[in-house]
């Protein structure tokens, strides 16, 4: 089973993502605080990270860079989601190493198509 880590400080967004992914057969790891991601990834393998950009303490762009700067973790694809969708915002997200940048609120069918394109079926 493929596992997706969902990093978002919004509990409703995390739960909606969990419901969407679990119904389609993916394993889901929910993380509500961005600073918890790196320690969790040190012991828990995931196939994809889907994270919000705007979070307290550590934003998604900096967290994406941290994942991509880590020799042990850089192979994990990161997909960013955000309400910030200007050309500059999207470009910054992709330049930090993300494989995709989706507008929030994310349409379920679009998210699932992008996830299947990146990591395949569950």
N, C-alpha and C. Protein backbone atom coordinates (compact mmCIF):
# COMPACT_ATOMS: atom_id res chain seq x y z
N UNK A 1 0.83 -1.19 0.00
CA UNK A 1 0.00 0.00 0.00
C UNK A 1 0.88 1.25 0.00
N UNK A 2 0.52 2.19 -0.80
CA UNK A 2 1.24 3.47 -0.85
C UNK A 2 0.72 4.37 0.27
N UNK A 3 1.65 5.08 0.91
CA UNK A 3 1.28 5.95 2.02
C UNK A 3 1.58 7.40 1.69
N UNK A 4 0.60 8.25 2.00
CA UNK A 4 0.72 9.68 1.76
C UNK A 4 0.73 10.40 3.11
N UNK A 5 1.75 11.21 3.34
CA UNK A 5 1.78 12.06 4.53
C UNK A 5 1.10 13.37 4.18
N UNK A 6 0.12 13.75 4.99
CA UNK A 6 -0.60 15.00 4.79
C UNK A 6 -0.20 15.95 5.92
N UNK A 7 0.41 17.08 5.54
CA UNK A 7 0.88 18.06 6.52
C UNK A 7 0.06 19.33 6.34
N UNK A 8 -0.78 19.62 7.32
CA UNK A 8 -1.63 20.80 7.26
C UNK A 8 -2.04 21.16 8.67
N UNK A 9 -1.98 22.43 9.02
CA UNK A 9 -2.35 22.85 10.36
C UNK A 9 -3.87 22.94 10.54
N UNK A 10 -4.63 22.84 9.46
CA UNK A 10 -6.09 22.90 9.50
C UNK A 10 -6.66 21.49 9.65
N UNK A 11 -7.25 21.21 10.81
CA UNK A 11 -7.77 19.87 11.10
C UNK A 11 -8.83 19.44 10.10
N UNK A 12 -9.71 20.35 9.68
CA UNK A 12 -10.75 20.01 8.72
C UNK A 12 -10.14 19.60 7.38
N UNK A 13 -9.12 20.33 6.95
CA UNK A 13 -8.45 20.00 5.69
C UNK A 13 -7.77 18.64 5.78
N UNK A 14 -7.13 18.35 6.92
CA UNK A 14 -6.48 17.05 7.10
C UNK A 14 -7.50 15.92 7.04
N UNK A 15 -8.61 16.10 7.73
CA UNK A 15 -9.64 15.06 7.77
C UNK A 15 -10.26 14.84 6.38
N UNK A 16 -10.49 15.91 5.65
CA UNK A 16 -11.05 15.77 4.30
C UNK A 16 -10.07 15.02 3.40
N UNK A 17 -8.79 15.33 3.52
CA UNK A 17 -7.77 14.66 2.72
C UNK A 17 -7.68 13.20 3.12
N UNK A 18 -7.75 12.92 4.42
CA UNK A 18 -7.70 11.54 4.89
C UNK A 18 -8.86 10.73 4.31
N UNK A 19 -10.05 11.29 4.35
CA UNK A 19 -11.23 10.62 3.83
C UNK A 19 -11.07 10.33 2.34
N UNK A 20 -10.64 11.31 1.59
CA UNK A 20 -10.46 11.17 0.14
C UNK A 20 -9.43 10.08 -0.19
N UNK A 21 -8.29 10.12 0.47
CA UNK A 21 -7.21 9.16 0.18
C UNK A 21 -7.55 7.75 0.66
N UNK A 22 -8.09 7.64 1.86
CA UNK A 22 -8.40 6.32 2.42
C UNK A 22 -9.48 5.61 1.61
N UNK A 23 -10.48 6.36 1.13
CA UNK A 23 -11.53 5.75 0.32
C UNK A 23 -10.99 5.18 -0.98
N UNK A 24 -9.86 5.68 -1.42
CA UNK A 24 -9.26 5.19 -2.66
C UNK A 24 -8.14 4.20 -2.42
N UNK A 25 -7.95 3.80 -1.15
CA UNK A 25 -7.02 2.73 -0.85
C UNK A 25 -5.62 3.13 -0.45
N UNK A 26 -5.36 4.42 -0.28
CA UNK A 26 -4.03 4.87 0.15
C UNK A 26 -3.94 4.87 1.67
N UNK A 27 -2.76 4.58 2.17
CA UNK A 27 -2.49 4.77 3.58
C UNK A 27 -2.28 6.25 3.81
N UNK A 28 -2.68 6.75 4.96
CA UNK A 28 -2.59 8.19 5.23
C UNK A 28 -1.92 8.41 6.59
N UNK A 29 -0.97 9.31 6.61
CA UNK A 29 -0.30 9.73 7.83
C UNK A 29 -0.60 11.21 8.00
N UNK A 30 -1.35 11.57 9.03
CA UNK A 30 -1.75 12.96 9.25
C UNK A 30 -0.80 13.65 10.20
N UNK A 31 -0.34 14.84 9.80
CA UNK A 31 0.59 15.62 10.62
C UNK A 31 0.05 17.05 10.69
N UNK A 32 -0.27 17.50 11.90
CA UNK A 32 -0.86 18.82 12.08
C UNK A 32 0.13 19.93 12.34
N UNK A 33 1.36 19.58 12.67
CA UNK A 33 2.38 20.58 12.96
C UNK A 33 3.58 20.32 12.05
N UNK A 34 3.92 21.31 11.24
CA UNK A 34 4.98 21.15 10.25
C UNK A 34 6.30 20.68 10.85
N UNK A 35 6.61 21.16 12.06
CA UNK A 35 7.89 20.81 12.66
C UNK A 35 7.98 19.34 13.05
N UNK A 36 6.88 18.62 13.02
CA UNK A 36 6.89 17.19 13.34
C UNK A 36 7.25 16.32 12.13
N UNK A 37 7.18 16.87 10.92
CA UNK A 37 7.38 16.05 9.73
C UNK A 37 8.76 15.38 9.68
N UNK A 38 9.81 16.13 9.81
CA UNK A 38 11.15 15.56 9.64
C UNK A 38 11.44 14.43 10.64
N UNK A 39 11.14 14.59 11.93
CA UNK A 39 11.38 13.47 12.85
C UNK A 39 10.53 12.24 12.51
N UNK A 40 9.32 12.45 12.06
CA UNK A 40 8.46 11.32 11.68
C UNK A 40 9.04 10.60 10.47
N UNK A 41 9.51 11.36 9.48
CA UNK A 41 10.06 10.75 8.27
C UNK A 41 11.34 9.96 8.55
N UNK A 42 12.01 10.27 9.64
CA UNK A 42 13.23 9.54 10.00
C UNK A 42 12.93 8.10 10.36
N UNK A 43 11.69 7.81 10.77
CA UNK A 43 11.35 6.45 11.19
C UNK A 43 10.17 5.84 10.44
N UNK A 44 9.45 6.64 9.67
CA UNK A 44 8.24 6.17 9.00
C UNK A 44 8.34 6.42 7.50
N UNK A 45 8.39 5.37 6.69
CA UNK A 45 8.49 5.58 5.25
C UNK A 45 7.15 6.04 4.65
N UNK A 46 7.23 7.02 3.76
CA UNK A 46 6.05 7.47 3.02
C UNK A 46 6.41 7.55 1.54
N UNK A 47 5.40 7.48 0.69
CA UNK A 47 5.61 7.54 -0.76
C UNK A 47 5.43 8.93 -1.33
N UNK A 48 4.71 9.79 -0.60
CA UNK A 48 4.41 11.14 -1.07
C UNK A 48 4.09 12.01 0.14
N UNK A 49 4.48 13.28 0.05
CA UNK A 49 4.10 14.26 1.06
C UNK A 49 3.23 15.31 0.38
N UNK A 50 2.03 15.51 0.93
CA UNK A 50 1.15 16.57 0.46
C UNK A 50 1.08 17.58 1.60
N UNK A 51 1.51 18.83 1.33
CA UNK A 51 1.53 19.79 2.43
C UNK A 51 1.04 21.16 2.02
N UNK A 52 0.45 21.82 3.01
CA UNK A 52 0.00 23.19 2.88
C UNK A 52 1.23 24.09 2.85
N UNK A 53 1.09 25.23 2.19
CA UNK A 53 2.20 26.20 2.17
C UNK A 53 2.16 27.08 3.41
N UNK A 54 1.01 27.61 3.74
CA UNK A 54 0.90 28.56 4.86
C UNK A 54 0.61 27.82 6.15
N UNK A 55 1.66 27.68 6.96
CA UNK A 55 1.53 27.05 8.27
C UNK A 55 2.36 27.85 9.27
N UNK A 56 1.96 27.82 10.56
CA UNK A 56 2.75 28.55 11.56
C UNK A 56 4.10 27.86 11.80
N UNK A 57 5.01 28.58 12.32
CA UNK A 57 6.37 28.12 12.67
C UNK A 57 7.21 27.83 11.44
N UNK A 58 6.85 26.81 10.66
CA UNK A 58 7.60 26.47 9.44
C UNK A 58 6.60 26.45 8.29
N UNK A 59 6.88 27.22 7.24
CA UNK A 59 5.94 27.18 6.11
C UNK A 59 6.29 26.02 5.18
N UNK A 60 5.37 25.69 4.30
CA UNK A 60 5.54 24.55 3.42
C UNK A 60 6.72 24.67 2.47
N UNK A 61 7.05 25.89 2.05
CA UNK A 61 8.20 26.06 1.16
C UNK A 61 9.50 25.69 1.87
N UNK A 62 9.66 26.18 3.09
CA UNK A 62 10.87 25.86 3.86
C UNK A 62 10.93 24.38 4.20
N UNK A 63 9.79 23.80 4.50
CA UNK A 63 9.75 22.38 4.83
C UNK A 63 10.06 21.53 3.59
N UNK A 64 9.56 21.94 2.45
CA UNK A 64 9.87 21.24 1.20
C UNK A 64 11.38 21.30 0.94
N UNK A 65 11.98 22.46 1.13
CA UNK A 65 13.43 22.59 0.94
C UNK A 65 14.19 21.67 1.90
N UNK A 66 13.71 21.59 3.14
CA UNK A 66 14.38 20.73 4.13
C UNK A 66 14.33 19.26 3.70
N UNK A 67 13.19 18.83 3.18
CA UNK A 67 13.06 17.45 2.68
C UNK A 67 14.02 17.24 1.51
N UNK A 68 14.03 18.17 0.58
CA UNK A 68 14.86 18.02 -0.62
C UNK A 68 16.35 18.17 -0.34
N UNK A 69 16.70 18.84 0.76
CA UNK A 69 18.11 18.98 1.15
C UNK A 69 18.63 17.77 1.92
N UNK A 70 17.73 16.90 2.34
CA UNK A 70 18.13 15.73 3.11
C UNK A 70 18.46 14.56 2.18
N UNK A 71 19.69 14.05 2.22
CA UNK A 71 20.06 12.92 1.36
C UNK A 71 19.16 11.69 1.58
N UNK A 72 18.68 11.50 2.81
CA UNK A 72 17.85 10.34 3.11
C UNK A 72 16.40 10.51 2.66
N UNK A 73 15.95 11.74 2.48
CA UNK A 73 14.54 12.00 2.21
C UNK A 73 14.25 12.61 0.83
N UNK A 74 15.27 13.08 0.14
CA UNK A 74 15.04 13.84 -1.10
C UNK A 74 14.30 13.05 -2.17
N UNK A 75 14.30 11.73 -2.07
CA UNK A 75 13.60 10.91 -3.07
C UNK A 75 12.08 10.97 -2.92
N UNK A 76 11.59 11.47 -1.78
CA UNK A 76 10.15 11.52 -1.55
C UNK A 76 9.57 12.72 -2.28
N UNK A 77 8.62 12.50 -3.18
CA UNK A 77 8.00 13.64 -3.87
C UNK A 77 7.14 14.46 -2.91
N UNK A 78 7.16 15.77 -3.12
CA UNK A 78 6.38 16.70 -2.30
C UNK A 78 5.40 17.43 -3.22
N UNK A 79 4.14 17.46 -2.80
CA UNK A 79 3.10 18.17 -3.53
C UNK A 79 2.60 19.27 -2.60
N UNK A 80 2.63 20.52 -3.06
CA UNK A 80 2.19 21.63 -2.25
C UNK A 80 0.75 22.00 -2.59
N UNK A 81 0.00 22.42 -1.57
CA UNK A 81 -1.35 22.94 -1.77
C UNK A 81 -1.43 24.29 -1.06
N UNK A 82 -2.13 25.24 -1.69
CA UNK A 82 -2.15 26.57 -1.09
C UNK A 82 -3.26 27.43 -1.68
N UNK A 83 -3.68 28.40 -0.90
CA UNK A 83 -4.57 29.44 -1.40
C UNK A 83 -3.79 30.52 -2.12
N UNK A 84 -2.48 30.51 -1.97
CA UNK A 84 -1.61 31.46 -2.66
C UNK A 84 -1.31 30.90 -4.05
N UNK A 85 -1.88 31.50 -5.08
CA UNK A 85 -1.78 30.87 -6.41
C UNK A 85 -1.31 31.81 -7.51
N UNK A 86 -0.63 32.89 -7.14
CA UNK A 86 -0.09 33.75 -8.20
C UNK A 86 1.02 32.97 -8.92
N UNK A 87 1.38 33.45 -10.08
CA UNK A 87 2.45 32.81 -10.85
C UNK A 87 3.73 32.75 -10.01
N UNK A 88 4.01 33.82 -9.26
CA UNK A 88 5.21 33.85 -8.43
C UNK A 88 5.12 32.81 -7.32
N UNK A 89 3.94 32.66 -6.69
CA UNK A 89 3.78 31.66 -5.63
C UNK A 89 4.02 30.25 -6.15
N UNK A 90 3.41 29.94 -7.28
CA UNK A 90 3.57 28.61 -7.87
C UNK A 90 5.02 28.36 -8.26
N UNK A 91 5.65 29.36 -8.86
CA UNK A 91 7.05 29.24 -9.27
C UNK A 91 7.95 28.99 -8.06
N UNK A 92 7.71 29.72 -6.96
CA UNK A 92 8.50 29.50 -5.74
C UNK A 92 8.32 28.08 -5.23
N UNK A 93 7.09 27.59 -5.27
CA UNK A 93 6.83 26.23 -4.80
C UNK A 93 7.54 25.19 -5.63
N UNK A 94 7.49 25.34 -6.93
CA UNK A 94 8.16 24.38 -7.80
C UNK A 94 9.68 24.50 -7.70
N UNK A 95 10.17 25.72 -7.51
CA UNK A 95 11.61 25.92 -7.38
C UNK A 95 12.18 25.35 -6.09
N UNK A 96 11.35 25.16 -5.07
CA UNK A 96 11.86 24.58 -3.82
C UNK A 96 11.92 23.06 -3.90
N UNK A 97 11.46 22.49 -5.02
CA UNK A 97 11.57 21.05 -5.21
C UNK A 97 10.27 20.29 -5.28
N UNK A 98 9.13 20.99 -5.18
CA UNK A 98 7.84 20.31 -5.24
C UNK A 98 7.58 19.77 -6.65
N UNK A 99 6.91 18.63 -6.72
CA UNK A 99 6.55 18.04 -8.01
C UNK A 99 5.26 18.64 -8.56
N UNK A 100 4.48 19.28 -7.68
CA UNK A 100 3.22 19.87 -8.10
C UNK A 100 2.81 20.94 -7.09
N UNK A 101 1.91 21.84 -7.52
CA UNK A 101 1.42 22.93 -6.68
C UNK A 101 -0.04 23.10 -7.04
N UNK A 102 -0.93 22.77 -6.10
CA UNK A 102 -2.36 22.81 -6.37
C UNK A 102 -3.05 23.90 -5.56
N UNK A 103 -4.09 24.47 -6.17
CA UNK A 103 -4.87 25.53 -5.52
C UNK A 103 -5.80 24.94 -4.47
N UNK A 104 -5.86 25.60 -3.31
CA UNK A 104 -6.74 25.23 -2.23
C UNK A 104 -8.03 26.04 -2.36
N UNK A 105 -9.21 25.51 -2.17
CA UNK A 105 -9.48 24.12 -1.84
C UNK A 105 -9.23 23.21 -3.04
N UNK A 106 -8.66 22.06 -2.78
CA UNK A 106 -8.29 21.13 -3.84
C UNK A 106 -9.51 20.34 -4.28
N UNK A 107 -9.70 20.25 -5.58
CA UNK A 107 -10.76 19.41 -6.12
C UNK A 107 -10.29 17.96 -6.00
N UNK A 108 -11.12 17.10 -5.40
CA UNK A 108 -10.74 15.72 -5.12
C UNK A 108 -10.29 14.95 -6.33
N UNK A 109 -11.02 15.05 -7.44
CA UNK A 109 -10.65 14.29 -8.63
C UNK A 109 -9.32 14.76 -9.21
N UNK A 110 -9.06 16.05 -9.12
CA UNK A 110 -7.79 16.57 -9.63
C UNK A 110 -6.63 16.11 -8.74
N UNK A 111 -6.82 16.17 -7.44
CA UNK A 111 -5.78 15.72 -6.51
C UNK A 111 -5.47 14.25 -6.73
N UNK A 112 -6.50 13.42 -6.85
CA UNK A 112 -6.26 11.99 -7.03
C UNK A 112 -5.56 11.71 -8.36
N UNK A 113 -5.90 12.42 -9.40
CA UNK A 113 -5.23 12.24 -10.69
C UNK A 113 -3.75 12.60 -10.57
N UNK A 114 -3.46 13.69 -9.87
CA UNK A 114 -2.06 14.11 -9.71
C UNK A 114 -1.28 13.12 -8.84
N UNK A 115 -1.92 12.61 -7.79
CA UNK A 115 -1.25 11.64 -6.93
C UNK A 115 -0.95 10.36 -7.72
N UNK A 116 -1.93 9.87 -8.47
CA UNK A 116 -1.68 8.67 -9.28
C UNK A 116 -0.58 8.90 -10.31
N UNK A 117 -0.51 10.10 -10.86
CA UNK A 117 0.55 10.42 -11.83
C UNK A 117 1.93 10.39 -11.18
N UNK A 118 2.01 10.78 -9.92
CA UNK A 118 3.30 10.86 -9.23
C UNK A 118 3.72 9.53 -8.62
N UNK A 119 2.80 8.84 -7.90
CA UNK A 119 3.21 7.61 -7.21
C UNK A 119 2.46 6.36 -7.66
N UNK A 120 1.50 6.51 -8.55
CA UNK A 120 0.76 5.35 -9.02
C UNK A 120 -0.40 5.01 -8.12
N UNK A 121 -1.08 3.91 -8.43
CA UNK A 121 -2.23 3.48 -7.62
C UNK A 121 -1.79 2.96 -6.26
N UNK A 122 -2.76 2.85 -5.35
CA UNK A 122 -2.41 2.39 -4.00
C UNK A 122 -1.85 0.99 -4.03
